[in-house]
């Protein structure tokens, strides 16, 4: 499976900047769908209402899915790869 990686930087309520990738099947190209996945993730981190648009999230590249992402993508439709300031 090929996946698209969307590089995302969102300012948390405390001012820290979260850096994470939203990883989706490569055929999903609708930005609003991608942003809705990011907002769902932000809700799970108690960061509901933080800005998430083309300013914070942009397409980066396409790659082959990693085995540790695949089941989550099949089940939820996306995977979040946390990089910076994503832990509560």
PDB file of N, CA and C in Angstrom:
ATOM      1  N   UNK A   1       0.851  -1.182   0.000  1.00  0.00           N
ATOM      2  CA  UNK A   1       0.000   0.000   0.000  1.00  0.00           C
ATOM      3  C   UNK A   1       0.893   1.240   0.000  1.00  0.00           C
ATOM      4  N   UNK A   2       0.549   2.194  -0.839  1.00  0.00           N
ATOM      5  CA  UNK A   2       1.229   3.483  -0.854  1.00  0.00           C
ATOM      6  C   UNK A   2       0.455   4.444   0.046  1.00  0.00           C
ATOM      7  N   UNK A   3       1.193   5.239   0.823  1.00  0.00           N
ATOM      8  CA  UNK A   3       0.575   6.202   1.720  1.00  0.00           C
ATOM      9  C   UNK A   3       1.133   7.595   1.457  1.00  0.00           C
ATOM     10  N   UNK A   4       0.296   8.582   1.702  1.00  0.00           N
ATOM     11  CA  UNK A   4       0.702   9.983   1.616  1.00  0.00           C
ATOM     12  C   UNK A   4       0.986  10.483   3.026  1.00  0.00           C
ATOM     13  N   UNK A   5       2.068  11.225   3.150  1.00  0.00           N
ATOM     14  CA  UNK A   5       2.486  11.770   4.435  1.00  0.00           C
ATOM     15  C   UNK A   5       2.231  13.277   4.417  1.00  0.00           C
ATOM     16  N   UNK A   6       1.468  13.743   5.393  1.00  0.00           N
ATOM     17  CA  UNK A   6       1.124  15.162   5.521  1.00  0.00           C
ATOM     18  C   UNK A   6       1.816  15.707   6.762  1.00  0.00           C
ATOM     19  N   UNK A   7       2.773  16.576   6.550  1.00  0.00           N
ATOM     20  CA  UNK A   7       3.581  17.158   7.622  1.00  0.00           C
ATOM     21  C   UNK A   7       2.756  18.230   8.332  1.00  0.00           C
ATOM     22  N   UNK A   8       2.662  18.125   9.664  1.00  0.00           N
ATOM     23  CA  UNK A   8       1.721  18.960  10.412  1.00  0.00           C
ATOM     24  C   UNK A   8       2.386  19.575  11.649  1.00  0.00           C
ATOM     25  N   UNK A   9       2.158  20.875  11.826  1.00  0.00           N
ATOM     26  CA  UNK A   9       2.642  21.633  12.989  1.00  0.00           C
ATOM     27  C   UNK A   9       1.462  22.400  13.559  1.00  0.00           C
ATOM     28  N   UNK A  10       1.065  22.081  14.787  1.00  0.00           N
ATOM     29  CA  UNK A  10      -0.084  22.735  15.424  1.00  0.00           C
ATOM     30  C   UNK A  10       0.365  23.319  16.756  1.00  0.00           C
ATOM     31  N   UNK A  11      -0.008  24.572  16.998  1.00  0.00           N
ATOM     32  CA  UNK A  11       0.301  25.198  18.284  1.00  0.00           C
ATOM     33  C   UNK A  11      -0.692  24.715  19.327  1.00  0.00           C
ATOM     34  N   UNK A  12      -0.144  24.127  20.398  1.00  0.00           N
ATOM     35  CA  UNK A  12      -0.977  23.652  21.508  1.00  0.00           C
ATOM     36  C   UNK A  12      -1.517  24.836  22.308  1.00  0.00           C
ATOM     37  N   UNK A  13      -2.479  24.583  23.142  1.00  0.00           N
ATOM     38  CA  UNK A  13      -3.065  25.617  23.994  1.00  0.00           C
ATOM     39  C   UNK A  13      -2.028  26.231  24.921  1.00  0.00           C
ATOM     40  N   UNK A  14      -0.982  25.460  25.285  1.00  0.00           N
ATOM     41  CA  UNK A  14       0.062  25.994  26.177  1.00  0.00           C
ATOM     42  C   UNK A  14       1.176  26.718  25.420  1.00  0.00           C
ATOM     43  N   UNK A  15       1.049  26.808  24.096  1.00  0.00           N
ATOM     44  CA  UNK A  15       2.027  27.526  23.286  1.00  0.00           C
ATOM     45  C   UNK A  15       3.079  26.658  22.633  1.00  0.00           C
ATOM     46  N   UNK A  16       3.245  25.414  23.090  1.00  0.00           N
ATOM     47  CA  UNK A  16       4.185  24.495  22.447  1.00  0.00           C
ATOM     48  C   UNK A  16       3.674  24.131  21.057  1.00  0.00           C
ATOM     49  N   UNK A  17       4.584  23.806  20.161  1.00  0.00           N
ATOM     50  CA  UNK A  17       4.192  23.408  18.814  1.00  0.00           C
ATOM     51  C   UNK A  17       4.317  21.891  18.692  1.00  0.00           C
ATOM     52  N   UNK A  18       3.185  21.270  18.378  1.00  0.00           N
ATOM     53  CA  UNK A  18       3.162  19.830  18.130  1.00  0.00           C
ATOM     54  C   UNK A  18       3.604  19.587  16.692  1.00  0.00           C
ATOM     55  N   UNK A  19       4.450  18.601  16.486  1.00  0.00           N
ATOM     56  CA  UNK A  19       4.862  18.200  15.141  1.00  0.00           C
ATOM     57  C   UNK A  19       4.493  16.736  14.976  1.00  0.00           C
ATOM     58  N   UNK A  20       3.643  16.454  13.999  1.00  0.00           N
ATOM     59  CA  UNK A  20       3.238  15.079  13.718  1.00  0.00           C
ATOM     60  C   UNK A  20       2.910  14.952  12.242  1.00  0.00           C
ATOM     61  N   UNK A  21       2.934  13.713  11.769  1.00  0.00           N
ATOM     62  CA  UNK A  21       2.531  13.425  10.396  1.00  0.00           C
ATOM     63  C   UNK A  21       1.176  12.743  10.409  1.00  0.00           C
ATOM     64  N   UNK A  22       0.328  13.142   9.481  1.00  0.00           N
ATOM     65  CA  UNK A  22      -0.929  12.449   9.233  1.00  0.00           C
ATOM     66  C   UNK A  22      -0.663  11.567   8.019  1.00  0.00           C
ATOM     67  N   UNK A  23      -0.805  10.267   8.192  1.00  0.00           N
ATOM     68  CA  UNK A  23      -0.465   9.310   7.138  1.00  0.00           C
ATOM     69  C   UNK A  23      -1.748   8.633   6.682  1.00  0.00           C
ATOM     70  N   UNK A  24      -2.033   8.751   5.383  1.00  0.00           N
ATOM     71  CA  UNK A  24      -3.279   8.241   4.811  1.00  0.00           C
ATOM     72  C   UNK A  24      -2.983   7.457   3.539  1.00  0.00           C
ATOM     73  N   UNK A  25      -3.926   6.599   3.114  1.00  0.00           N
ATOM     74  CA  UNK A  25      -3.749   5.952   1.821  1.00  0.00           C
ATOM     75  C   UNK A  25      -3.541   7.019   0.735  1.00  0.00           C
ATOM     76  N   UNK A  26      -2.627   6.742  -0.188  1.00  0.00           N
ATOM     77  CA  UNK A  26      -2.243   7.747  -1.186  1.00  0.00           C
ATOM     78  C   UNK A  26      -3.403   8.214  -2.055  1.00  0.00           C
ATOM     79  N   UNK A  27      -4.456   7.421  -2.188  1.00  0.00           N
ATOM     80  CA  UNK A  27      -5.580   7.830  -3.032  1.00  0.00           C
ATOM     81  C   UNK A  27      -6.439   8.916  -2.372  1.00  0.00           C
ATOM     82  N   UNK A  28      -6.282   9.146  -1.085  1.00  0.00           N
ATOM     83  CA  UNK A  28      -7.047  10.205  -0.408  1.00  0.00           C
ATOM     84  C   UNK A  28      -6.325  11.531  -0.639  1.00  0.00           C
ATOM     85  N   UNK A  29      -6.965  12.414  -1.374  1.00  0.00           N
ATOM     86  CA  UNK A  29      -6.348  13.687  -1.727  1.00  0.00           C
ATOM     87  C   UNK A  29      -7.141  14.899  -1.231  1.00  0.00           C
ATOM     88  N   UNK A  30      -8.340  14.660  -0.703  1.00  0.00           N
ATOM     89  CA  UNK A  30      -9.202  15.744  -0.230  1.00  0.00           C
ATOM     90  C   UNK A  30      -8.618  16.311   1.071  1.00  0.00           C
ATOM     91  N   UNK A  31      -8.146  17.550   1.006  1.00  0.00           N
ATOM     92  CA  UNK A  31      -7.518  18.172   2.166  1.00  0.00           C
ATOM     93  C   UNK A  31      -8.455  18.235   3.364  1.00  0.00           C
ATOM     94  N   UNK A  32      -9.736  18.451   3.140  1.00  0.00           N
ATOM     95  CA  UNK A  32     -10.675  18.543   4.264  1.00  0.00           C
ATOM     96  C   UNK A  32     -10.763  17.208   5.011  1.00  0.00           C
ATOM     97  N   UNK A  33     -10.650  16.109   4.283  1.00  0.00           N
ATOM     98  CA  UNK A  33     -10.651  14.788   4.917  1.00  0.00           C
ATOM     99  C   UNK A  33      -9.385  14.635   5.752  1.00  0.00           C
ATOM    100  N   UNK A  34      -8.247  15.037   5.190  1.00  0.00           N
ATOM    101  CA  UNK A  34      -6.973  14.961   5.916  1.00  0.00           C
ATOM    102  C   UNK A  34      -7.059  15.800   7.187  1.00  0.00           C
ATOM    103  N   UNK A  35      -7.552  17.030   7.064  1.00  0.00           N
ATOM    104  CA  UNK A  35      -7.660  17.915   8.231  1.00  0.00           C
ATOM    105  C   UNK A  35      -8.602  17.323   9.276  1.00  0.00           C
ATOM    106  N   UNK A  36      -9.676  16.654   8.833  1.00  0.00           N
ATOM    107  CA  UNK A  36     -10.609  16.068   9.807  1.00  0.00           C
ATOM    108  C   UNK A  36      -9.911  14.963  10.605  1.00  0.00           C
ATOM    109  N   UNK A  37      -9.012  14.211   9.977  1.00  0.00           N
ATOM    110  CA  UNK A  37      -8.241  13.212  10.706  1.00  0.00           C
ATOM    111  C   UNK A  37      -7.349  13.896  11.747  1.00  0.00           C
ATOM    112  N   UNK A  38      -6.711  14.981  11.348  1.00  0.00           N
ATOM    113  CA  UNK A  38      -5.862  15.722  12.275  1.00  0.00           C
ATOM    114  C   UNK A  38      -6.653  16.296  13.433  1.00  0.00           C
ATOM    115  N   UNK A  39      -7.841  16.804  13.153  1.00  0.00           N
ATOM    116  CA  UNK A  39      -8.673  17.364  14.221  1.00  0.00           C
ATOM    117  C   UNK A  39      -9.152  16.279  15.180  1.00  0.00           C
ATOM    118  N   UNK A  40      -9.451  15.098  14.652  1.00  0.00           N
ATOM    119  CA  UNK A  40      -9.827  13.969  15.510  1.00  0.00           C
ATOM    120  C   UNK A  40      -8.671  13.622  16.449  1.00  0.00           C
ATOM    121  N   UNK A  41      -7.466  13.618  15.896  1.00  0.00           N
ATOM    122  CA  UNK A  41      -6.279  13.364  16.713  1.00  0.00           C
ATOM    123  C   UNK A  41      -6.112  14.451  17.776  1.00  0.00           C
ATOM    124  N   UNK A  42      -6.268  15.722  17.385  1.00  0.00           N
ATOM    125  CA  UNK A  42      -6.141  16.822  18.345  1.00  0.00           C
ATOM    126  C   UNK A  42      -7.177  16.689  19.456  1.00  0.00           C
ATOM    127  N   UNK A  43      -8.395  16.294  19.117  1.00  0.00           N
ATOM    128  CA  UNK A  43      -9.429  16.058  20.134  1.00  0.00           C
ATOM    129  C   UNK A  43      -8.954  15.022  21.143  1.00  0.00           C
ATOM    130  N   UNK A  44      -8.291  13.974  20.653  1.00  0.00           N
ATOM    131  CA  UNK A  44      -7.825  12.912  21.550  1.00  0.00           C
ATOM    132  C   UNK A  44      -6.710  13.385  22.479  1.00  0.00           C
ATOM    133  N   UNK A  45      -6.081  14.504  22.134  1.00  0.00           N
ATOM    134  CA  UNK A  45      -5.000  15.078  22.938  1.00  0.00           C
ATOM    135  C   UNK A  45      -5.468  16.280  23.753  1.00  0.00           C
ATOM    136  N   UNK A  46      -6.799  16.481  23.845  1.00  0.00           N
ATOM    137  CA  UNK A  46      -7.387  17.623  24.554  1.00  0.00           C
ATOM    138  C   UNK A  46      -6.932  18.957  23.961  1.00  0.00           C
ATOM    139  N   UNK A  47      -6.778  18.969  22.655  1.00  0.00           N
ATOM    140  CA  UNK A  47      -6.394  20.190  21.938  1.00  0.00           C
ATOM    141  C   UNK A  47      -7.485  20.593  20.952  1.00  0.00           C
ATOM    142  N   UNK A  48      -8.727  20.294  21.321  1.00  0.00           N
ATOM    143  CA  UNK A  48      -9.873  20.638  20.488  1.00  0.00           C
ATOM    144  C   UNK A  48      -9.894  22.139  20.211  1.00  0.00           C
ATOM    145  N   UNK A  49     -10.170  22.490  18.956  1.00  0.00           N
ATOM    146  CA  UNK A  49     -10.303  23.895  18.584  1.00  0.00           C
ATOM    147  C   UNK A  49      -9.028  24.544  18.083  1.00  0.00           C
ATOM    148  N   UNK A  50      -7.904  23.838  18.177  1.00  0.00           N
ATOM    149  CA  UNK A  50      -6.659  24.423  17.670  1.00  0.00           C
ATOM    150  C   UNK A  50      -6.701  24.430  16.143  1.00  0.00           C
ATOM    151  N   UNK A  51      -6.086  25.453  15.558  1.00  0.00           N
ATOM    152  CA  UNK A  51      -6.117  25.633  14.107  1.00  0.00           C
ATOM    153  C   UNK A  51      -5.448  24.472  13.392  1.00  0.00           C
ATOM    154  N   UNK A  52      -6.094  23.988  12.339  1.00  0.00           N
ATOM    155  CA  UNK A  52      -5.523  22.958  11.478  1.00  0.00           C
ATOM    156  C   UNK A  52      -6.044  23.204  10.073  1.00  0.00           C
ATOM    157  N   UNK A  53      -5.186  23.754   9.232  1.00  0.00           N
ATOM    158  CA  UNK A  53      -5.543  24.076   7.853  1.00  0.00           C
ATOM    159  C   UNK A  53      -4.288  23.939   7.007  1.00  0.00           C
ATOM    160  N   UNK A  54      -4.311  24.457   5.793  1.00  0.00           N
ATOM    161  CA  UNK A  54      -3.146  24.368   4.915  1.00  0.00           C
ATOM    162  C   UNK A  54      -1.942  25.100   5.493  1.00  0.00           C
ATOM    163  N   UNK A  55      -2.181  26.034   6.401  1.00  0.00           N
ATOM    164  CA  UNK A  55      -1.061  26.735   7.055  1.00  0.00           C
ATOM    165  C   UNK A  55      -0.302  25.800   7.995  1.00  0.00           C
ATOM    166  N   UNK A  56      -1.008  24.885   8.654  1.00  0.00           N
ATOM    167  CA  UNK A  56      -0.406  23.978   9.621  1.00  0.00           C
ATOM    168  C   UNK A  56      -0.079  22.595   9.052  1.00  0.00           C
ATOM    169  N   UNK A  57      -0.720  22.235   7.951  1.00  0.00           N
ATOM    170  CA  UNK A  57      -0.636  20.862   7.444  1.00  0.00           C
ATOM    171  C   UNK A  57      -0.478  20.871   5.929  1.00  0.00           C
ATOM    172  N   UNK A  58       0.593  20.231   5.436  1.00  0.00           N
ATOM    173  CA  UNK A  58       0.800  20.196   3.988  1.00  0.00           C
ATOM    174  C   UNK A  58       1.330  18.837   3.548  1.00  0.00           C
ATOM    175  N   UNK A  59       0.991  18.489   2.309  1.00  0.00           N
ATOM    176  CA  UNK A  59       1.459  17.237   1.733  1.00  0.00           C
ATOM    177  C   UNK A  59       2.976  17.259   1.676  1.00  0.00           C
ATOM    178  N   UNK A  60       3.586  16.142   2.040  1.00  0.00           N
ATOM    179  CA  UNK A  60       5.049  16.042   2.043  1.00  0.00           C
ATOM    180  C   UNK A  60       5.538  15.071   0.966  1.00  0.00           C
ATOM    181  N   UNK A  61       5.101  13.810   1.041  1.00  0.00           N
ATOM    182  CA  UNK A  61       5.564  12.818   0.078  1.00  0.00           C
ATOM    183  C   UNK A  61       4.711  11.557   0.157  1.00  0.00           C
ATOM    184  N   UNK A  62       4.967  10.641  -0.804  1.00  0.00           N
ATOM    185  CA  UNK A  62       4.318   9.331  -0.830  1.00  0.00           C
ATOM    186  C   UNK A  62       5.389   8.283  -0.555  1.00  0.00           C
ATOM    187  N   UNK A  63       5.045   7.272   0.243  1.00  0.00           N
ATOM    188  CA  UNK A  63       5.972   6.182   0.516  1.00  0.00           C
ATOM    189  C   UNK A  63       5.182   4.886   0.697  1.00  0.00           C
ATOM    190  N   UNK A  64       5.898   3.792   0.816  1.00  0.00           N
ATOM    191  CA  UNK A  64       5.274   2.504   1.096  1.00  0.00           C
ATOM    192  C   UNK A  64       4.935   2.440   2.576  1.00  0.00           C
ATOM    193  N   UNK A  65       3.746   1.923   2.874  1.00  0.00           N
ATOM    194  CA  UNK A  65       3.290   1.855   4.262  1.00  0.00           C
ATOM    195  C   UNK A  65       4.253   1.011   5.097  1.00  0.00           C
ATOM    196  N   UNK A  66       4.497   1.450   6.301  1.00  0.00           N
ATOM    197  CA  UNK A  66       5.301   0.680   7.253  1.00  0.00           C
ATOM    198  C   UNK A  66       4.373  -0.319   7.957  1.00  0.00           C
ATOM    199  N   UNK A  67       4.870  -1.522   8.238  1.00  0.00           N
ATOM    200  CA  UNK A  67       4.005  -2.538   8.863  1.00  0.00           C
ATOM    201  C   UNK A  67       3.328  -2.055  10.139  1.00  0.00           C
ATOM    202  N   UNK A  68       4.010  -1.245  10.945  1.00  0.00           N
ATOM    203  CA  UNK A  68       3.424  -0.779  12.208  1.00  0.00           C
ATOM    204  C   UNK A  68       2.306   0.245  12.007  1.00  0.00           C
ATOM    205  N   UNK A  69       2.151   0.777  10.813  1.00  0.00           N
ATOM    206  CA  UNK A  69       1.081   1.734  10.516  1.00  0.00           C
ATOM    207  C   UNK A  69      -0.132   1.059   9.884  1.00  0.00           C
ATOM    208  N   UNK A  70       0.098  -0.040   9.189  1.00  0.00           N
ATOM    209  CA  UNK A  70      -0.909  -0.598   8.289  1.00  0.00           C
ATOM    210  C   UNK A  70      -2.227  -0.956   8.955  1.00  0.00           C
ATOM    211  N   UNK A  71      -2.213  -1.662  10.076  1.00  0.00           N
ATOM    212  CA  UNK A  71      -3.471  -2.053  10.723  1.00  0.00           C
ATOM    213  C   UNK A  71      -4.285  -0.850  11.160  1.00  0.00           C
ATOM    214  N   UNK A  72      -3.619   0.163  11.694  1.00  0.00           N
ATOM    215  CA  UNK A  72      -4.341   1.372  12.115  1.00  0.00           C
ATOM    216  C   UNK A  72      -4.961   2.072  10.912  1.00  0.00           C
ATOM    217  N   UNK A  73      -4.233   2.141   9.808  1.00  0.00           N
ATOM    218  CA  UNK A  73      -4.773   2.774   8.598  1.00  0.00           C
ATOM    219  C   UNK A  73      -5.973   1.986   8.078  1.00  0.00           C
ATOM    220  N   UNK A  74      -5.889   0.674   8.089  1.00  0.00           N
ATOM    221  CA  UNK A  74      -7.014  -0.147   7.637  1.00  0.00           C
ATOM    222  C   UNK A  74      -8.225   0.061   8.543  1.00  0.00           C
ATOM    223  N   UNK A  75      -7.997   0.129   9.857  1.00  0.00           N
ATOM    224  CA  UNK A  75      -9.083   0.257  10.826  1.00  0.00           C
ATOM    225  C   UNK A  75      -9.655   1.674  10.897  1.00  0.00           C
ATOM    226  N   UNK A  76      -8.784   2.694  11.028  1.00  0.00           N
ATOM    227  CA  UNK A  76      -9.231   4.078  11.236  1.00  0.00           C
ATOM    228  C   UNK A  76      -9.226   4.924   9.970  1.00  0.00           C
ATOM    229  N   UNK A  77      -8.448   4.510   8.970  1.00  0.00           N
ATOM    230  CA  UNK A  77      -8.338   5.296   7.746  1.00  0.00           C
ATOM    231  C   UNK A  77      -7.104   6.174   7.719  1.00  0.00           C
ATOM    232  N   UNK A  78      -6.399   6.250   8.843  1.00  0.00           N
ATOM    233  CA  UNK A  78      -5.198   7.085   8.926  1.00  0.00           C
ATOM    234  C   UNK A  78      -4.333   6.620  10.087  1.00  0.00           C
ATOM    235  N   UNK A  79      -3.103   7.118  10.118  1.00  0.00           N
ATOM    236  CA  UNK A  79      -2.179   6.870  11.223  1.00  0.00           C
ATOM    237  C   UNK A  79      -1.509   8.194  11.557  1.00  0.00           C
ATOM    238  N   UNK A  80      -1.307   8.464  12.830  1.00  0.00           N
ATOM    239  CA  UNK A  80      -0.584   9.658  13.261  1.00  0.00           C
ATOM    240  C   UNK A  80       0.794   9.228  13.746  1.00  0.00           C
ATOM    241  N   UNK A  81       1.818   9.804  13.139  1.00  0.00           N
ATOM    242  CA  UNK A  81       3.192   9.568  13.563  1.00  0.00           C
ATOM    243  C   UNK A  81       3.628  10.786  14.372  1.00  0.00           C
ATOM    244  N   UNK A  82       3.739  10.618  15.680  1.00  0.00           N
ATOM    245  CA  UNK A  82       4.076  11.714  16.593  1.00  0.00           C
ATOM    246  C   UNK A  82       5.584  11.957  16.579  1.00  0.00           C
ATOM    247  N   UNK A  83       5.979  13.242  16.498  1.00  0.00           N
ATOM    248  CA  UNK A  83       7.398  13.569  16.495  1.00  0.00           C
ATOM    249  C   UNK A  83       7.795  14.494  17.644  1.00  0.00           C
ATOM    250  N   UNK A  84       7.146  15.636  17.794  1.00  0.00           N
ATOM    251  CA  UNK A  84       7.567  16.595  18.828  1.00  0.00           C
ATOM    252  C   UNK A  84       6.353  17.141  19.576  1.00  0.00           C
ATOM    253  N   UNK A  85       6.488  17.233  20.910  1.00  0.00           N
ATOM    254  CA  UNK A  85       5.490  17.865  21.788  1.00  0.00           C
ATOM    255  C   UNK A  85       4.088  17.284  21.638  1.00  0.00           C
ATOM    256  N   UNK A  86       4.010  15.977  21.405  1.00  0.00           N
ATOM    257  CA  UNK A  86       2.704  15.325  21.230  1.00  0.00           C
ATOM    258  C   UNK A  86       2.242  14.620  22.504  1.00  0.00           C
ATOM    259  N   UNK A  87       3.129  14.405  23.436  1.00  0.00           N
ATOM    260  CA  UNK A  87       2.743  13.753  24.685  1.00  0.00           C
ATOM    261  C   UNK A  87       2.113  14.786  25.611  1.00  0.00           C
ATOM    262  N   UNK A  88       1.170  14.342  26.406  1.00  0.00           N
ATOM    263  CA  UNK A  88       0.456  15.280  27.277  1.00  0.00           C
ATOM    264  C   UNK A  88       1.219  15.625  28.507  1.00  0.00           C
TER     265      UNK A  88
END
